[in-house]
C-alpha atoms as a PDB file:
ATOM      1  CA  UNK A   1      37.302 125.819  88.359  1.00  0.00           C
ATOM      2  CA  UNK A   2      35.390 125.448  91.617  1.00  0.00           C
ATOM      3  CA  UNK A   3      36.922 122.525  93.485  1.00  0.00           C
ATOM      4  CA  UNK A   4      37.795 120.925  96.783  1.00  0.00           C
ATOM      5  CA  UNK A   5      41.077 119.243  97.712  1.00  0.00           C
ATOM      6  CA  UNK A   6      40.804 116.168  99.913  1.00  0.00           C
ATOM      7  CA  UNK A   7      43.942 115.110 101.773  1.00  0.00           C
ATOM      8  CA  UNK A   8      43.480 111.547 103.010  1.00  0.00           C
ATOM      9  CA  UNK A   9      45.536 110.374 105.982  1.00  0.00           C
ATOM     10  CA  UNK A  10      45.796 106.973 107.665  1.00  0.00           C
ATOM     11  CA  UNK A  11      46.452 107.837 111.309  1.00  0.00           C
ATOM     12  CA  UNK A  12      46.393 110.804 113.644  1.00  0.00           C
ATOM     13  CA  UNK A  13      50.181 110.541 113.914  1.00  0.00           C
ATOM     14  CA  UNK A  14      50.608 111.363 110.214  1.00  0.00           C
ATOM     15  CA  UNK A  15      53.181 114.148 109.711  1.00  0.00           C
ATOM     16  CA  UNK A  16      50.946 115.568 106.977  1.00  0.00           C
ATOM     17  CA  UNK A  17      48.281 116.727 109.424  1.00  0.00           C
ATOM     18  CA  UNK A  18      50.029 119.766 111.002  1.00  0.00           C
ATOM     19  CA  UNK A  19      51.265 120.938 107.601  1.00  0.00           C
ATOM     20  CA  UNK A  20      47.831 120.736 105.986  1.00  0.00           C
ATOM     21  CA  UNK A  21      46.154 122.235 109.058  1.00  0.00           C
ATOM     22  CA  UNK A  22      48.172 125.413 108.530  1.00  0.00           C
ATOM     23  CA  UNK A  23      47.253 125.502 104.838  1.00  0.00           C
ATOM     24  CA  UNK A  24      43.552 125.192 105.682  1.00  0.00           C
ATOM     25  CA  UNK A  25      43.655 128.649 107.241  1.00  0.00           C
ATOM     26  CA  UNK A  26      44.658 130.069 103.871  1.00  0.00           C
ATOM     27  CA  UNK A  27      42.823 127.746 101.473  1.00  0.00           C
ATOM     28  CA  UNK A  28      39.274 127.033 102.613  1.00  0.00           C
ATOM     29  CA  UNK A  29      38.724 124.343  99.968  1.00  0.00           C
ATOM     30  CA  UNK A  30      41.312 122.000 101.536  1.00  0.00           C
ATOM     31  CA  UNK A  31      39.868 119.220 103.683  1.00  0.00           C
ATOM     32  CA  UNK A  32      41.647 116.688 105.891  1.00  0.00           C
ATOM     33  CA  UNK A  33      39.869 113.335 105.745  1.00  0.00           C
ATOM     34  CA  UNK A  34      40.605 110.271 107.882  1.00  0.00           C
ATOM     35  CA  UNK A  35      40.912 107.055 105.882  1.00  0.00           C
ATOM     36  CA  UNK A  36      37.712 105.178 106.789  1.00  0.00           C
ATOM     37  CA  UNK A  37      38.422 101.872 105.055  1.00  0.00           C
ATOM     38  CA  UNK A  38      41.776 101.004 106.629  1.00  0.00           C
ATOM     39  CA  UNK A  39      45.343 102.036 105.898  1.00  0.00           C
ATOM     40  CA  UNK A  40      46.979 102.077 102.480  1.00  0.00           C
ATOM     41  CA  UNK A  41      46.664 103.689  99.081  1.00  0.00           C
ATOM     42  CA  UNK A  42      43.631 101.830  97.774  1.00  0.00           C
ATOM     43  CA  UNK A  43      41.616 102.541 100.924  1.00  0.00           C
ATOM     44  CA  UNK A  44      42.649 106.191 100.862  1.00  0.00           C
ATOM     45  CA  UNK A  45      41.327 106.455  97.301  1.00  0.00           C
ATOM     46  CA  UNK A  46      38.081 104.684  98.212  1.00  0.00           C
ATOM     47  CA  UNK A  47      37.655 107.150 101.066  1.00  0.00           C
ATOM     48  CA  UNK A  48      38.232 110.053  98.703  1.00  0.00           C
ATOM     49  CA  UNK A  49      35.698 108.744  96.187  1.00  0.00           C
ATOM     50  CA  UNK A  50      33.106 108.389  98.944  1.00  0.00           C
ATOM     51  CA  UNK A  51      33.704 111.759 100.582  1.00  0.00           C
ATOM     52  CA  UNK A  52      34.152 113.913  97.455  1.00  0.00           C
ATOM     53  CA  UNK A  53      31.156 116.087  96.588  1.00  0.00           C
ATOM     54  CA  UNK A  54      31.864 117.039  92.972  1.00  0.00           C
ATOM     55  CA  UNK A  55      30.691 115.348  89.778  1.00  0.00           C
ATOM     56  CA  UNK A  56      34.294 114.792  88.664  1.00  0.00           C
ATOM     57  CA  UNK A  57      37.073 113.365  90.799  1.00  0.00           C
ATOM     58  CA  UNK A  58      40.788 113.189  90.106  1.00  0.00           C
ATOM     59  CA  UNK A  59      43.395 111.187  91.997  1.00  0.00           C
ATOM     60  CA  UNK A  60      46.863 112.715  92.236  1.00  0.00           C
ATOM     61  CA  UNK A  61      49.723 111.478  94.459  1.00  0.00           C
ATOM     62  CA  UNK A  62      50.945 113.791  97.185  1.00  0.00           C
ATOM     63  CA  UNK A  63      54.505 113.747  95.817  1.00  0.00           C
ATOM     64  CA  UNK A  64      53.294 115.759  92.778  1.00  0.00           C
ATOM     65  CA  UNK A  65      55.084 113.491  90.322  1.00  0.00           C
ATOM     66  CA  UNK A  66      52.181 114.433  88.049  1.00  0.00           C
ATOM     67  CA  UNK A  67      51.634 118.085  87.155  1.00  0.00           C
ATOM     68  CA  UNK A  68      48.434 119.530  88.692  1.00  0.00           C
ATOM     69  CA  UNK A  69      48.018 121.931  85.741  1.00  0.00           C
ATOM     70  CA  UNK A  70      46.997 118.908  83.649  1.00  0.00           C
ATOM     71  CA  UNK A  71      43.760 118.782  85.646  1.00  0.00           C
ATOM     72  CA  UNK A  72      42.393 121.757  83.692  1.00  0.00           C
ATOM     73  CA  UNK A  73      42.717 119.831  80.417  1.00  0.00           C
ATOM     74  CA  UNK A  74      41.204 116.743  81.983  1.00  0.00           C
ATOM     75  CA  UNK A  75      38.248 118.760  83.219  1.00  0.00           C
ATOM     76  CA  UNK A  76      37.576 120.260  79.784  1.00  0.00           C
ATOM     77  CA  UNK A  77      37.386 116.764  78.299  1.00  0.00           C
ATOM     78  CA  UNK A  78      35.178 115.561  81.150  1.00  0.00           C
ATOM     79  CA  UNK A  79      32.711 118.342  80.361  1.00  0.00           C
ATOM     80  CA  UNK A  80      32.489 116.910  76.836  1.00  0.00           C
ATOM     81  CA  UNK A  81      30.832 113.785  78.243  1.00  0.00           C
ATOM     82  CA  UNK A  82      33.944 111.667  78.741  1.00  0.00           C
ATOM     83  CA  UNK A  83      33.605 109.475  81.812  1.00  0.00           C
ATOM     84  CA  UNK A  84      37.322 108.854  82.354  1.00  0.00           C
ATOM     85  CA  UNK A  85      40.155 111.110  81.222  1.00  0.00           C
ATOM     86  CA  UNK A  86      43.608 109.529  81.393  1.00  0.00           C
ATOM     87  CA  UNK A  87      46.736 111.608  81.736  1.00  0.00           C
ATOM     88  CA  UNK A  88      49.305 110.028  79.426  1.00  0.00           C
ATOM     89  CA  UNK A  89      53.076 110.186  79.333  1.00  0.00           C
ATOM     90  CA  UNK A  90      53.276 108.419  76.000  1.00  0.00           C
ATOM     91  CA  UNK A  91      51.193 110.396  73.501  1.00  0.00           C
ATOM     92  CA  UNK A  92      52.481 113.424  71.591  1.00  0.00           C
ATOM     93  CA  UNK A  93      53.126 116.206  74.087  1.00  0.00           C
ATOM     94  CA  UNK A  94      53.520 113.870  77.047  1.00  0.00           C
ATOM     95  CA  UNK A  95      56.784 112.805  78.642  1.00  0.00           C
ATOM     96  CA  UNK A  96      58.392 111.058  81.562  1.00  0.00           C
ATOM     97  CA  UNK A  97      61.362 112.542  83.369  1.00  0.00           C
ATOM     98  CA  UNK A  98      63.351 110.084  85.457  1.00  0.00           C
ATOM     99  CA  UNK A  99      62.040 106.992  87.171  1.00  0.00           C
ATOM    100  CA  UNK A 100      62.886 103.290  87.153  1.00  0.00           C
ATOM    101  CA  UNK A 101      63.891 102.152  83.651  1.00  0.00           C
ATOM    102  CA  UNK A 102      62.377  98.662  83.898  1.00  0.00           C
ATOM    103  CA  UNK A 103      59.115 100.016  85.290  1.00  0.00           C
ATOM    104  CA  UNK A 104      59.042 102.666  82.539  1.00  0.00           C
ATOM    105  CA  UNK A 105      59.619 100.090  79.793  1.00  0.00           C
ATOM    106  CA  UNK A 106      56.885  97.770  81.042  1.00  0.00           C
ATOM    107  CA  UNK A 107      54.454 100.650  81.482  1.00  0.00           C
ATOM    108  CA  UNK A 108      55.106 102.029  78.004  1.00  0.00           C
ATOM    109  CA  UNK A 109      54.854  98.599  76.378  1.00  0.00           C
ATOM    110  CA  UNK A 110      51.545  97.906  78.131  1.00  0.00           C
ATOM    111  CA  UNK A 111      50.250 101.323  77.119  1.00  0.00           C
ATOM    112  CA  UNK A 112      51.168 100.978  73.459  1.00  0.00           C
ATOM    113  CA  UNK A 113      49.546  97.534  73.293  1.00  0.00           C
ATOM    114  CA  UNK A 114      46.365  98.653  75.053  1.00  0.00           C
ATOM    115  CA  UNK A 115      44.409  99.951  72.013  1.00  0.00           C
ATOM    116  CA  UNK A 116      45.246  96.743  70.127  1.00  0.00           C
ATOM    117  CA  UNK A 117      44.725  94.090  72.795  1.00  0.00           C
ATOM    118  CA  UNK A 118      42.033  95.755  74.890  1.00  0.00           C
ATOM    119  CA  UNK A 119      40.493  98.255  72.490  1.00  0.00           C
ATOM    120  CA  UNK A 120      40.818 101.034  75.064  1.00  0.00           C
ATOM    121  CA  UNK A 121      41.711 104.467  73.615  1.00  0.00           C
ATOM    122  CA  UNK A 122      44.660 105.321  75.842  1.00  0.00           C
ATOM    123  CA  UNK A 123      48.417 104.951  75.559  1.00  0.00           C
ATOM    124  CA  UNK A 124      49.030 105.023  79.322  1.00  0.00           C
ATOM    125  CA  UNK A 125      46.963 102.298  80.921  1.00  0.00           C
ATOM    126  CA  UNK A 126      48.979 102.049  84.135  1.00  0.00           C
ATOM    127  CA  UNK A 127      49.082 105.744  85.052  1.00  0.00           C
ATOM    128  CA  UNK A 128      47.048 106.364  88.204  1.00  0.00           C
ATOM    129  CA  UNK A 129      46.514 110.038  87.322  1.00  0.00           C
ATOM    130  CA  UNK A 130      42.955 109.954  85.959  1.00  0.00           C
ATOM    131  CA  UNK A 131      39.751 111.965  86.238  1.00  0.00           C
ATOM    132  CA  UNK A 132      36.542 110.049  86.890  1.00  0.00           C
ATOM    133  CA  UNK A 133      32.872 110.880  86.539  1.00  0.00           C
ATOM    134  CA  UNK A 134      31.104 110.136  89.812  1.00  0.00           C
ATOM    135  CA  UNK A 135      28.481 107.998  88.032  1.00  0.00           C
ATOM    136  CA  UNK A 136      31.126 105.326  87.331  1.00  0.00           C
ATOM    137  CA  UNK A 137      31.053 104.176  90.912  1.00  0.00           C
ATOM    138  CA  UNK A 138      27.365 103.307  90.732  1.00  0.00           C
ATOM    139  CA  UNK A 139      28.298 100.566  88.245  1.00  0.00           C
ATOM    140  CA  UNK A 140      31.860  99.622  89.219  1.00  0.00           C
ATOM    141  CA  UNK A 141      32.927  97.860  92.384  1.00  0.00           C
ATOM    142  CA  UNK A 142      36.661  98.155  93.101  1.00  0.00           C
ATOM    143  CA  UNK A 143      38.097  94.711  93.825  1.00  0.00           C
ATOM    144  CA  UNK A 144      41.796  95.606  93.954  1.00  0.00           C
ATOM    145  CA  UNK A 145      43.450  95.149  97.333  1.00  0.00           C
ATOM    146  CA  UNK A 146      46.932  96.466  96.573  1.00  0.00           C
ATOM    147  CA  UNK A 147      47.803  99.856  95.160  1.00  0.00           C
ATOM    148  CA  UNK A 148      47.756 101.747  91.883  1.00  0.00           C
ATOM    149  CA  UNK A 149      46.432  98.807  89.882  1.00  0.00           C
ATOM    150  CA  UNK A 150      42.976  99.917  91.030  1.00  0.00           C
ATOM    151  CA  UNK A 151      43.078 102.693  88.400  1.00  0.00           C
ATOM    152  CA  UNK A 152      43.754 100.094  85.721  1.00  0.00           C
ATOM    153  CA  UNK A 153      40.889  97.965  87.034  1.00  0.00           C
ATOM    154  CA  UNK A 154      38.433 100.878  86.925  1.00  0.00           C
ATOM    155  CA  UNK A 155      39.494 101.860  83.403  1.00  0.00           C
ATOM    156  CA  UNK A 156      39.180  98.342  81.975  1.00  0.00           C
ATOM    157  CA  UNK A 157      35.824  97.692  83.638  1.00  0.00           C
ATOM    158  CA  UNK A 158      34.504 101.083  82.515  1.00  0.00           C
ATOM    159  CA  UNK A 159      35.501 100.372  78.915  1.00  0.00           C
ATOM    160  CA  UNK A 160      33.601  97.092  78.787  1.00  0.00           C
ATOM    161  CA  UNK A 161      30.580  98.733  80.399  1.00  0.00           C
ATOM    162  CA  UNK A 162      30.489 101.253  77.556  1.00  0.00           C
ATOM    163  CA  UNK A 163      31.735 104.364  79.346  1.00  0.00           C
ATOM    164  CA  UNK A 164      33.532 106.997  77.241  1.00  0.00           C
ATOM    165  CA  UNK A 165      37.296 107.331  77.658  1.00  0.00           C
ATOM    166  CA  UNK A 166      39.736 110.013  76.494  1.00  0.00           C
ATOM    167  CA  UNK A 167      43.332 110.970  77.218  1.00  0.00           C
ATOM    168  CA  UNK A 168      45.431 114.104  77.393  1.00  0.00           C
ATOM    169  CA  UNK A 169      49.241 114.439  77.412  1.00  0.00           C
ATOM    170  CA  UNK A 170      50.995 115.055  80.709  1.00  0.00           C
ATOM    171  CA  UNK A 171      54.486 115.144  82.184  1.00  0.00           C
ATOM    172  CA  UNK A 172      55.546 112.797  84.957  1.00  0.00           C
ATOM    173  CA  UNK A 173      58.541 113.614  87.167  1.00  0.00           C
ATOM    174  CA  UNK A 174      60.543 110.930  88.935  1.00  0.00           C
ATOM    175  CA  UNK A 175      61.291 111.520  92.618  1.00  0.00           C
ATOM    176  CA  UNK A 176      64.321 113.603  93.491  1.00  0.00           C
ATOM    177  CA  UNK A 177      63.616 113.478  97.240  1.00  0.00           C
ATOM    178  CA  UNK A 178      62.323 110.683  99.430  1.00  0.00           C
ATOM    179  CA  UNK A 179      61.720 107.086  98.434  1.00  0.00           C
ATOM    180  CA  UNK A 180      58.873 105.691  96.373  1.00  0.00           C
ATOM    181  CA  UNK A 181      56.662 103.056  98.010  1.00  0.00           C
ATOM    182  CA  UNK A 182      56.083 101.401  94.636  1.00  0.00           C
ATOM    183  CA  UNK A 183      57.505  97.851  94.707  1.00  0.00           C
ATOM    184  CA  UNK A 184      57.682  96.510  91.145  1.00  0.00           C
ATOM    185  CA  UNK A 185      57.936  92.796  91.959  1.00  0.00           C
ATOM    186  CA  UNK A 186      55.170  93.073  94.547  1.00  0.00           C
ATOM    187  CA  UNK A 187      52.693  94.961  92.379  1.00  0.00           C
ATOM    188  CA  UNK A 188      53.486  93.635  88.891  1.00  0.00           C
ATOM    189  CA  UNK A 189      51.344  90.473  89.283  1.00  0.00           C
ATOM    190  CA  UNK A 190      48.360  92.653  90.173  1.00  0.00           C
ATOM    191  CA  UNK A 191      48.773  94.699  86.974  1.00  0.00           C
ATOM    192  CA  UNK A 192      49.186  91.520  84.926  1.00  0.00           C
ATOM    193  CA  UNK A 193      46.008  90.084  86.445  1.00  0.00           C
ATOM    194  CA  UNK A 194      43.855  93.021  85.356  1.00  0.00           C
ATOM    195  CA  UNK A 195      45.528  93.252  81.955  1.00  0.00           C
ATOM    196  CA  UNK A 196      44.674  89.656  81.144  1.00  0.00           C
ATOM    197  CA  UNK A 197      41.248  90.038  82.735  1.00  0.00           C
ATOM    198  CA  UNK A 198      40.633  92.687  80.102  1.00  0.00           C
ATOM    199  CA  UNK A 199      42.080  90.575  77.279  1.00  0.00           C
ATOM    200  CA  UNK A 200      39.842  87.673  78.312  1.00  0.00           C
ATOM    201  CA  UNK A 201      36.819  89.963  78.395  1.00  0.00           C
ATOM    202  CA  UNK A 202      37.571  91.293  74.908  1.00  0.00           C
ATOM    203  CA  UNK A 203      38.042  87.798  73.463  1.00  0.00           C
ATOM    204  CA  UNK A 204      34.687  86.741  74.907  1.00  0.00           C
ATOM    205  CA  UNK A 205      33.020  89.841  73.450  1.00  0.00           C
ATOM    206  CA  UNK A 206      34.518  89.016  70.058  1.00  0.00           C
ATOM    207  CA  UNK A 207      33.461  85.366  70.154  1.00  0.00           C
ATOM    208  CA  UNK A 208      29.934  86.298  71.211  1.00  0.00           C
ATOM    209  CA  UNK A 209      29.707  88.685  68.268  1.00  0.00           C
ATOM    210  CA  UNK A 210      30.367  85.759  65.906  1.00  0.00           C
ATOM    211  CA  UNK A 211      27.386  83.782  67.179  1.00  0.00           C
ATOM    212  CA  UNK A 212      24.310  84.372  64.968  1.00  0.00           C
ATOM    213  CA  UNK A 213      21.451  85.916  66.919  1.00  0.00           C
ATOM    214  CA  UNK A 214      19.235  82.940  66.002  1.00  0.00           C
ATOM    215  CA  UNK A 215      21.614  80.632  67.893  1.00  0.00           C
ATOM    216  CA  UNK A 216      21.927  82.731  71.028  1.00  0.00           C
END
């Protein structure tokens, strides 16, 4: 698959820069991109979406908790006219190895309830590992200001705009080195906000469908 790899960094003091600079000599498709929207995860992703040149874009954390080989399966589904392809830990063939137990429980519960409460065909709503069709961002404005909840926001908005969504099983590996920046108590309210935003949207869609066209 022809591709480019964008490494987004916040500041010129980032320890990633010298490492990636050496790799660029060997892999010409690697590009170092300065975060143009301000520091932090969400702004790094916005920068990547703006600077990427391909029709399909996938976000994957630098710690490789998600397996890059899954991208091939995501791409095959994207070529079949799916606008978002979600990597899922919770469908047959997917799994999660390690990680915070409370976070895992909440994530799995939200994922299993998603098709019922939101009508979205995925079992892993909160996973940030997703492939997007570029055309999404002509219709969707990202409002999230925090972190990984932006992927949930995009998915929910895309669903209610009629974009096609699919999923493919993947394996997620908990960190064995370093420390995750994910703060459950800090980010949980942001996930809850978008979850109930979607529930509210679906209820309104349902109620509108009950109104006879002659009364609209």
